[in-house]
Amino acid sequence: MAAGLGLVVEPVIELDPVIHAPVRLRLMGIARTLPEVEYAALRDRLEISDSVLSKHLAALCEVGYVSLRKGKLAGRSRTWVSVSEKGARALDDHVAALRALASGTV
């Protein structure tokens, strides 16, 4: 309770600022459903440019939410994206916070 005001102070729901950006939230949701997803397929599904995807992946890699694997497929260099355990937990927590906000339970 706030001092002398009779107000109940609820705990603050923490949204993850790294995941909260709409493209990153969609990216994490898509990538989470697969063991790994090829970069070009992810780019096409999100309908964004290579540079935009690269920027978002860099932010997610920096905090350890996704990892990238490079290799060759049919003689061409490819990159695959996978969500780490840390990223999966962060996504679950973020979605739970969004649900709490949307339901008015916070």
Protein backbone atom coordinates (compact mmCIF):
# COMPACT_ATOMS: atom_id res chain seq x y z
CA MET A 1 0.00 0.00 0.00
CA ALA A 2 1.23 3.50 -0.76
CA ALA A 3 1.96 5.42 2.43
CA GLY A 4 -1.22 6.97 3.81
CA LEU A 5 -3.07 6.99 0.49
CA GLY A 6 -4.89 3.69 0.80
CA LEU A 7 -3.67 2.61 -2.65
CA VAL A 8 -2.66 -0.95 -3.37
CA VAL A 9 0.56 -1.09 -5.33
CA GLU A 10 0.60 -4.07 -7.66
CA PRO A 11 3.83 -5.66 -8.84
CA VAL A 12 5.00 -4.25 -12.14
CA ILE A 13 4.64 -6.61 -15.09
CA GLU A 14 7.91 -6.73 -16.93
CA LEU A 15 7.79 -6.88 -20.70
CA ASP A 16 11.07 -7.93 -22.30
CA PRO A 17 12.30 -4.89 -24.28
CA VAL A 18 14.38 -7.11 -26.56
CA ILE A 19 11.43 -9.30 -27.57
CA HIS A 20 8.73 -6.61 -27.42
CA ALA A 21 9.43 -5.10 -30.85
CA PRO A 22 6.72 -6.52 -33.15
CA VAL A 23 9.12 -8.04 -35.69
CA ARG A 24 11.17 -9.69 -32.94
CA LEU A 25 8.07 -11.04 -31.24
CA ARG A 26 6.87 -12.56 -34.50
CA LEU A 27 10.37 -13.84 -35.29
CA MET A 28 10.62 -15.58 -31.91
CA GLY A 29 7.16 -17.06 -32.27
CA ILE A 30 7.93 -18.49 -35.69
CA ALA A 31 11.41 -19.75 -34.84
CA ARG A 32 10.22 -21.31 -31.58
CA THR A 33 7.95 -23.71 -33.43
CA LEU A 34 10.86 -25.37 -35.26
CA PRO A 35 14.21 -26.86 -34.23
CA GLU A 36 15.74 -24.33 -36.64
CA VAL A 37 14.54 -22.19 -39.52
CA GLU A 38 16.48 -21.11 -42.58
CA TYR A 39 17.22 -17.37 -42.75
CA ALA A 40 15.59 -16.79 -46.14
CA ALA A 41 12.43 -18.65 -45.12
CA LEU A 42 12.22 -16.56 -41.96
CA ARG A 43 12.79 -13.35 -43.93
CA ASP A 44 10.08 -14.27 -46.41
CA ARG A 45 7.60 -15.28 -43.70
CA LEU A 46 8.17 -11.99 -41.88
CA GLU A 47 8.04 -10.05 -45.17
CA ILE A 48 11.09 -7.94 -44.30
CA SER A 49 14.42 -7.20 -45.97
CA ASP A 50 17.70 -8.98 -45.28
CA SER A 51 19.07 -5.89 -43.52
CA VAL A 52 16.06 -5.59 -41.20
CA LEU A 53 16.19 -9.29 -40.33
CA SER A 54 19.92 -9.10 -39.75
CA LYS A 55 19.49 -6.18 -37.34
CA HIS A 56 16.81 -7.98 -35.32
CA LEU A 57 18.76 -11.24 -35.22
CA ALA A 58 21.85 -9.37 -34.00
CA ALA A 59 19.85 -7.94 -31.08
CA LEU A 60 18.46 -11.37 -30.20
CA CYS A 61 21.87 -13.05 -30.53
CA GLU A 62 23.48 -10.42 -28.32
CA VAL A 63 21.33 -11.43 -25.34
CA GLY A 64 21.51 -15.15 -26.13
CA TYR A 65 17.90 -15.64 -27.24
CA VAL A 66 18.77 -17.12 -30.63
CA SER A 67 21.77 -18.73 -32.23
CA LEU A 68 22.84 -18.84 -35.85
CA ARG A 69 24.36 -21.76 -37.67
CA LYS A 70 26.05 -21.29 -41.01
CA GLY A 71 26.54 -24.03 -43.55
CA LYS A 72 26.06 -25.03 -47.16
CA LEU A 73 23.02 -26.46 -48.80
CA ALA A 74 23.07 -27.38 -52.47
CA GLY A 75 26.43 -25.64 -52.78
CA ARG A 76 25.15 -22.32 -51.44
CA SER A 77 25.94 -20.69 -48.11
CA ARG A 78 22.93 -20.70 -45.78
CA THR A 79 22.17 -19.54 -42.27
CA TRP A 80 19.81 -21.29 -39.87
CA VAL A 81 18.24 -19.67 -36.82
CA SER A 82 17.30 -21.48 -33.63
CA VAL A 83 15.81 -20.28 -30.36
CA SER A 84 17.91 -21.04 -27.27
CA GLU A 85 16.47 -22.33 -23.99
CA LYS A 86 17.03 -18.85 -22.56
CA GLY A 87 15.12 -17.36 -25.50
CA ALA A 88 12.26 -19.83 -25.10
CA ARG A 89 11.93 -18.94 -21.39
CA ALA A 90 12.08 -15.22 -22.19
CA LEU A 91 9.37 -15.62 -24.83
CA ASP A 92 7.15 -17.58 -22.43
CA ASP A 93 7.59 -14.91 -19.73
CA HIS A 94 6.90 -12.10 -22.20
CA VAL A 95 3.74 -13.77 -23.53
CA ALA A 96 2.55 -14.39 -19.95
CA ALA A 97 3.08 -10.70 -19.17
CA LEU A 98 1.13 -9.69 -22.29
CA ARG A 99 -1.73 -12.04 -21.33
CA ALA A 100 -1.82 -10.59 -17.81
CA LEU A 101 -1.96 -7.08 -19.20
CA ALA A 102 -4.65 -7.99 -21.72
CA SER A 103 -6.80 -9.71 -19.11
CA GLY A 104 -6.55 -6.83 -16.67
CA THR A 105 -5.20 -9.06 -13.92
CA VAL A 106 -2.31 -6.71 -13.20
